[in-house]
Amino acid sequence: SQGGDYKNIAHISEDGKLTIWDKNIKKEPKLMQSLKKISQEFKTSFKESVNEAKALSKMNTDELIKHWEKESKTVEMMKDKKQIDKTAYRVESGKIARILNYLGGLKKDMSGN
């Protein structure tokens, strides 16, 4: 699709599948190299996410709480070392807090207290 001063030339899905819409970009080696590199990074990230989901799905509540507490410490460390910006920190720490809150409630419900 086109609009304004830009046009879509390609699409990379979350699993890394590269779809070329403008066949002329195949004549641009540097652009194609960049698109393929981004596509590979998406594939790697997607595979890591799937593997993490599989591992997490096998954990019990206590193991999940331990996992997310460790993730929380990692995010705090990254913030302290300025490896992530404030917005990313707020998003990640908020997500982890909600997960831990949910798991804490789940654990409480399961114990009958």
N, C-alpha and C. Protein backbone atom coordinates (compact mmCIF):
# COMPACT_ATOMS: atom_id res chain seq x y z
N SER A 1 0.84 -1.18 0.00
CA SER A 1 0.00 0.00 0.00
C SER A 1 0.88 1.23 0.00
N GLN A 2 0.35 2.29 -0.52
CA GLN A 2 1.12 3.52 -0.60
C GLN A 2 0.37 4.64 0.10
N GLY A 3 1.10 5.58 0.60
CA GLY A 3 0.51 6.75 1.21
C GLY A 3 1.61 7.74 1.54
N GLY A 4 1.36 8.99 1.29
CA GLY A 4 2.37 10.00 1.60
C GLY A 4 3.65 9.79 0.83
N ASP A 5 4.76 9.92 1.54
CA ASP A 5 6.07 9.82 0.92
C ASP A 5 6.71 8.44 1.07
N TYR A 6 5.93 7.44 1.43
CA TYR A 6 6.50 6.13 1.61
C TYR A 6 5.62 5.08 0.96
N LYS A 7 6.17 3.90 0.78
CA LYS A 7 5.37 2.76 0.33
C LYS A 7 5.92 1.51 0.99
N ASN A 8 5.05 0.58 1.22
CA ASN A 8 5.47 -0.68 1.81
C ASN A 8 6.12 -1.53 0.72
N ILE A 9 7.33 -2.00 1.01
CA ILE A 9 8.06 -2.78 0.02
C ILE A 9 8.18 -4.25 0.40
N ALA A 10 7.99 -4.51 1.71
CA ALA A 10 8.14 -5.88 2.19
C ALA A 10 7.45 -6.01 3.54
N HIS A 11 7.26 -7.25 3.95
CA HIS A 11 6.70 -7.53 5.27
C HIS A 11 7.47 -8.68 5.89
N ILE A 12 7.74 -8.55 7.19
CA ILE A 12 8.38 -9.62 7.94
C ILE A 12 7.43 -10.00 9.06
N SER A 13 6.95 -11.24 9.02
CA SER A 13 6.01 -11.68 10.05
C SER A 13 6.76 -11.95 11.35
N GLU A 14 6.00 -12.13 12.43
CA GLU A 14 6.65 -12.33 13.74
C GLU A 14 7.49 -13.60 13.80
N ASP A 15 7.19 -14.57 12.91
CA ASP A 15 8.01 -15.79 12.88
C ASP A 15 9.15 -15.69 11.88
N GLY A 16 9.34 -14.49 11.30
CA GLY A 16 10.49 -14.24 10.44
C GLY A 16 10.27 -14.45 8.96
N LYS A 17 9.04 -14.80 8.55
CA LYS A 17 8.79 -15.01 7.11
C LYS A 17 8.84 -13.67 6.39
N LEU A 18 9.70 -13.61 5.40
CA LEU A 18 9.89 -12.39 4.62
C LEU A 18 9.05 -12.46 3.35
N THR A 19 8.20 -11.44 3.17
CA THR A 19 7.39 -11.33 1.95
C THR A 19 7.79 -10.05 1.23
N ILE A 20 8.25 -10.18 0.01
CA ILE A 20 8.67 -9.03 -0.80
C ILE A 20 7.49 -8.59 -1.66
N TRP A 21 7.10 -7.32 -1.52
CA TRP A 21 6.00 -6.79 -2.34
C TRP A 21 6.53 -6.03 -3.55
N ASP A 22 7.65 -5.34 -3.37
CA ASP A 22 8.23 -4.58 -4.47
C ASP A 22 9.43 -5.36 -5.00
N LYS A 23 9.26 -6.00 -6.15
CA LYS A 23 10.30 -6.88 -6.70
C LYS A 23 11.59 -6.13 -7.04
N ASN A 24 11.51 -4.80 -7.17
CA ASN A 24 12.71 -4.01 -7.49
C ASN A 24 13.73 -4.01 -6.36
N ILE A 25 13.29 -4.28 -5.14
CA ILE A 25 14.26 -4.25 -4.04
C ILE A 25 15.23 -5.43 -4.12
N LYS A 26 14.87 -6.45 -4.87
CA LYS A 26 15.80 -7.58 -5.04
C LYS A 26 17.06 -7.14 -5.79
N LYS A 27 16.98 -5.99 -6.47
CA LYS A 27 18.13 -5.45 -7.19
C LYS A 27 19.03 -4.62 -6.27
N GLU A 28 18.61 -4.46 -5.01
CA GLU A 28 19.37 -3.67 -4.04
C GLU A 28 20.01 -4.61 -3.02
N PRO A 29 21.26 -5.05 -3.25
CA PRO A 29 21.88 -6.05 -2.38
C PRO A 29 21.95 -5.66 -0.91
N LYS A 30 22.28 -4.39 -0.62
CA LYS A 30 22.39 -3.97 0.78
C LYS A 30 21.03 -4.02 1.47
N LEU A 31 20.00 -3.59 0.77
CA LEU A 31 18.65 -3.61 1.33
C LEU A 31 18.19 -5.04 1.56
N MET A 32 18.43 -5.91 0.60
CA MET A 32 18.05 -7.31 0.74
C MET A 32 18.82 -7.97 1.90
N GLN A 33 20.09 -7.63 2.03
CA GLN A 33 20.90 -8.17 3.12
C GLN A 33 20.32 -7.72 4.46
N SER A 34 19.93 -6.46 4.56
CA SER A 34 19.34 -5.95 5.80
C SER A 34 18.01 -6.63 6.10
N LEU A 35 17.17 -6.79 5.08
CA LEU A 35 15.87 -7.44 5.29
C LEU A 35 16.05 -8.89 5.74
N LYS A 36 17.01 -9.58 5.13
CA LYS A 36 17.26 -10.98 5.51
C LYS A 36 17.80 -11.07 6.93
N LYS A 37 18.64 -10.11 7.32
CA LYS A 37 19.18 -10.10 8.68
C LYS A 37 18.06 -9.87 9.69
N ILE A 38 17.18 -8.92 9.42
CA ILE A 38 16.05 -8.66 10.31
C ILE A 38 15.14 -9.88 10.37
N SER A 39 14.90 -10.49 9.24
CA SER A 39 14.06 -11.69 9.18
C SER A 39 14.65 -12.80 10.05
N GLN A 40 15.96 -12.99 9.97
CA GLN A 40 16.62 -14.02 10.78
C GLN A 40 16.52 -13.72 12.26
N GLU A 41 16.65 -12.43 12.61
CA GLU A 41 16.53 -12.04 14.02
C GLU A 41 15.11 -12.32 14.53
N PHE A 42 14.10 -12.07 13.69
CA PHE A 42 12.71 -12.37 14.06
C PHE A 42 12.55 -13.87 14.27
N LYS A 43 13.12 -14.67 13.36
CA LYS A 43 13.02 -16.14 13.48
C LYS A 43 13.63 -16.60 14.79
N THR A 44 14.81 -16.09 15.11
CA THR A 44 15.50 -16.48 16.34
C THR A 44 14.68 -16.08 17.56
N SER A 45 14.18 -14.86 17.56
CA SER A 45 13.39 -14.37 18.68
C SER A 45 12.11 -15.19 18.85
N PHE A 46 11.47 -15.50 17.74
CA PHE A 46 10.23 -16.29 17.77
C PHE A 46 10.51 -17.68 18.35
N LYS A 47 11.59 -18.30 17.88
CA LYS A 47 11.94 -19.64 18.36
C LYS A 47 12.24 -19.60 19.86
N GLU A 48 12.96 -18.56 20.32
CA GLU A 48 13.26 -18.43 21.74
C GLU A 48 11.97 -18.26 22.55
N SER A 49 11.02 -17.50 22.02
CA SER A 49 9.75 -17.29 22.71
C SER A 49 8.96 -18.59 22.81
N VAL A 50 8.93 -19.35 21.75
CA VAL A 50 8.23 -20.64 21.75
C VAL A 50 8.88 -21.59 22.75
N ASN A 51 10.21 -21.64 22.74
CA ASN A 51 10.93 -22.52 23.68
C ASN A 51 10.68 -22.10 25.13
N GLU A 52 10.68 -20.78 25.38
CA GLU A 52 10.41 -20.31 26.74
C GLU A 52 8.99 -20.68 27.15
N ALA A 53 8.02 -20.50 26.24
CA ALA A 53 6.64 -20.85 26.56
C ALA A 53 6.50 -22.34 26.88
N LYS A 54 7.20 -23.18 26.13
CA LYS A 54 7.16 -24.63 26.40
C LYS A 54 7.74 -24.93 27.78
N ALA A 55 8.86 -24.31 28.10
CA ALA A 55 9.48 -24.54 29.41
C ALA A 55 8.58 -24.04 30.54
N LEU A 56 8.00 -22.86 30.37
CA LEU A 56 7.14 -22.30 31.40
C LEU A 56 5.88 -23.14 31.59
N SER A 57 5.38 -23.72 30.52
CA SER A 57 4.15 -24.50 30.61
C SER A 57 4.34 -25.78 31.44
N LYS A 58 5.58 -26.19 31.63
CA LYS A 58 5.87 -27.40 32.40
C LYS A 58 6.15 -27.11 33.87
N MET A 59 6.16 -25.83 34.25
CA MET A 59 6.50 -25.46 35.62
C MET A 59 5.25 -25.42 36.49
N ASN A 60 5.45 -25.75 37.78
CA ASN A 60 4.35 -25.58 38.72
C ASN A 60 4.34 -24.13 39.21
N THR A 61 3.37 -23.77 40.03
CA THR A 61 3.20 -22.38 40.46
C THR A 61 4.44 -21.86 41.19
N ASP A 62 5.00 -22.64 42.11
CA ASP A 62 6.19 -22.18 42.83
C ASP A 62 7.38 -21.95 41.90
N GLU A 63 7.55 -22.83 40.93
CA GLU A 63 8.64 -22.66 39.95
C GLU A 63 8.41 -21.43 39.09
N LEU A 64 7.15 -21.19 38.73
CA LEU A 64 6.84 -19.99 37.94
C LEU A 64 7.11 -18.72 38.74
N ILE A 65 6.73 -18.72 39.99
CA ILE A 65 6.99 -17.54 40.84
C ILE A 65 8.49 -17.29 40.93
N LYS A 66 9.27 -18.33 41.14
CA LYS A 66 10.74 -18.21 41.21
C LYS A 66 11.29 -17.66 39.89
N HIS A 67 10.78 -18.19 38.77
CA HIS A 67 11.22 -17.74 37.44
C HIS A 67 10.97 -16.25 37.26
N TRP A 68 9.76 -15.80 37.59
CA TRP A 68 9.41 -14.40 37.35
C TRP A 68 10.08 -13.47 38.36
N GLU A 69 10.37 -13.95 39.56
CA GLU A 69 11.15 -13.15 40.51
C GLU A 69 12.56 -12.94 39.97
N LYS A 70 13.12 -13.97 39.36
CA LYS A 70 14.45 -13.86 38.74
C LYS A 70 14.40 -12.87 37.57
N GLU A 71 13.34 -12.96 36.75
CA GLU A 71 13.18 -12.02 35.63
C GLU A 71 13.09 -10.59 36.15
N SER A 72 12.39 -10.39 37.26
CA SER A 72 12.24 -9.07 37.85
C SER A 72 13.60 -8.51 38.25
N LYS A 73 14.43 -9.34 38.87
CA LYS A 73 15.78 -8.91 39.26
C LYS A 73 16.63 -8.57 38.04
N THR A 74 16.46 -9.35 36.96
CA THR A 74 17.20 -9.09 35.73
C THR A 74 16.82 -7.73 35.15
N VAL A 75 15.51 -7.43 35.14
CA VAL A 75 15.04 -6.15 34.60
C VAL A 75 15.56 -5.00 35.47
N GLU A 76 15.55 -5.18 36.79
CA GLU A 76 16.09 -4.15 37.70
C GLU A 76 17.57 -3.90 37.41
N MET A 77 18.33 -4.99 37.24
CA MET A 77 19.75 -4.87 36.95
C MET A 77 19.97 -4.13 35.62
N MET A 78 19.16 -4.47 34.62
CA MET A 78 19.29 -3.82 33.31
C MET A 78 19.00 -2.32 33.43
N LYS A 79 18.01 -1.98 34.25
CA LYS A 79 17.68 -0.56 34.46
C LYS A 79 18.86 0.13 35.13
N ASP A 80 19.41 -0.49 36.19
CA ASP A 80 20.52 0.11 36.91
C ASP A 80 21.74 0.31 36.03
N LYS A 81 21.96 -0.60 35.09
CA LYS A 81 23.11 -0.50 34.18
C LYS A 81 22.77 0.31 32.93
N LYS A 82 21.55 0.86 32.91
CA LYS A 82 21.07 1.68 31.78
C LYS A 82 21.08 0.91 30.46
N GLN A 83 20.76 -0.41 30.55
CA GLN A 83 20.69 -1.24 29.35
C GLN A 83 19.29 -1.18 28.71
N ILE A 84 18.31 -0.65 29.47
CA ILE A 84 16.97 -0.43 28.92
C ILE A 84 16.52 0.96 29.33
N ASP A 85 15.68 1.56 28.51
CA ASP A 85 15.21 2.91 28.84
C ASP A 85 14.04 2.85 29.82
N LYS A 86 13.62 4.01 30.29
CA LYS A 86 12.58 4.08 31.32
C LYS A 86 11.26 3.48 30.86
N THR A 87 10.90 3.71 29.61
CA THR A 87 9.63 3.19 29.10
C THR A 87 9.66 1.67 29.06
N ALA A 88 10.73 1.11 28.53
CA ALA A 88 10.86 -0.36 28.47
C ALA A 88 10.86 -0.94 29.88
N TYR A 89 11.52 -0.25 30.80
CA TYR A 89 11.55 -0.73 32.18
C TYR A 89 10.14 -0.75 32.78
N ARG A 90 9.39 0.34 32.58
CA ARG A 90 8.02 0.40 33.12
C ARG A 90 7.15 -0.69 32.53
N VAL A 91 7.27 -0.93 31.23
CA VAL A 91 6.47 -1.97 30.58
C VAL A 91 6.82 -3.34 31.13
N GLU A 92 8.11 -3.66 31.14
CA GLU A 92 8.55 -4.98 31.59
C GLU A 92 8.29 -5.21 33.08
N SER A 93 8.62 -4.23 33.90
CA SER A 93 8.42 -4.41 35.34
C SER A 93 6.93 -4.49 35.66
N GLY A 94 6.11 -3.73 34.94
CA GLY A 94 4.66 -3.81 35.14
C GLY A 94 4.11 -5.17 34.75
N LYS A 95 4.59 -5.68 33.63
CA LYS A 95 4.15 -7.01 33.17
C LYS A 95 4.52 -8.08 34.19
N ILE A 96 5.74 -8.02 34.66
CA ILE A 96 6.21 -9.02 35.63
C ILE A 96 5.43 -8.90 36.93
N ALA A 97 5.16 -7.67 37.37
CA ALA A 97 4.40 -7.48 38.61
C ALA A 97 3.00 -8.07 38.48
N ARG A 98 2.37 -7.87 37.33
CA ARG A 98 1.02 -8.44 37.11
C ARG A 98 1.06 -9.96 37.10
N ILE A 99 2.09 -10.54 36.48
CA ILE A 99 2.22 -12.00 36.45
C ILE A 99 2.42 -12.53 37.87
N LEU A 100 3.32 -11.90 38.62
CA LEU A 100 3.58 -12.35 39.99
C LEU A 100 2.34 -12.19 40.86
N ASN A 101 1.60 -11.11 40.67
CA ASN A 101 0.37 -10.90 41.42
C ASN A 101 -0.63 -12.00 41.11
N TYR A 102 -0.78 -12.32 39.84
CA TYR A 102 -1.70 -13.39 39.43
C TYR A 102 -1.27 -14.73 40.03
N LEU A 103 0.02 -15.04 39.91
CA LEU A 103 0.51 -16.33 40.43
C LEU A 103 0.37 -16.41 41.95
N GLY A 104 0.60 -15.28 42.63
CA GLY A 104 0.42 -15.25 44.07
C GLY A 104 -1.03 -15.55 44.45
N GLY A 105 -1.96 -14.95 43.69
CA GLY A 105 -3.38 -15.21 43.93
C GLY A 105 -3.74 -16.65 43.62
N LEU A 106 -3.17 -17.18 42.56
CA LEU A 106 -3.42 -18.58 42.18
C LEU A 106 -2.92 -19.52 43.27
N LYS A 107 -1.72 -19.23 43.76
CA LYS A 107 -1.15 -20.08 44.82
C LYS A 107 -2.03 -20.03 46.06
N LYS A 108 -2.50 -18.83 46.41
CA LYS A 108 -3.36 -18.65 47.58
C LYS A 108 -4.67 -19.43 47.38
N ASP A 109 -5.28 -19.33 46.19
CA ASP A 109 -6.51 -20.06 45.90
C ASP A 109 -6.30 -21.58 46.00
N MET A 110 -5.17 -22.04 45.51
CA MET A 110 -4.90 -23.47 45.49
C MET A 110 -4.65 -24.01 46.90
N SER A 111 -4.14 -23.14 47.78
CA SER A 111 -3.87 -23.61 49.14
C SER A 111 -5.12 -23.54 50.02
N GLY A 112 -6.16 -22.87 49.49
CA GLY A 112 -7.43 -22.79 50.23
C GLY A 112 -7.45 -21.70 51.27
N ASN A 113 -6.49 -20.81 51.28
CA ASN A 113 -6.45 -19.71 52.27
C ASN A 113 -7.08 -18.46 51.73
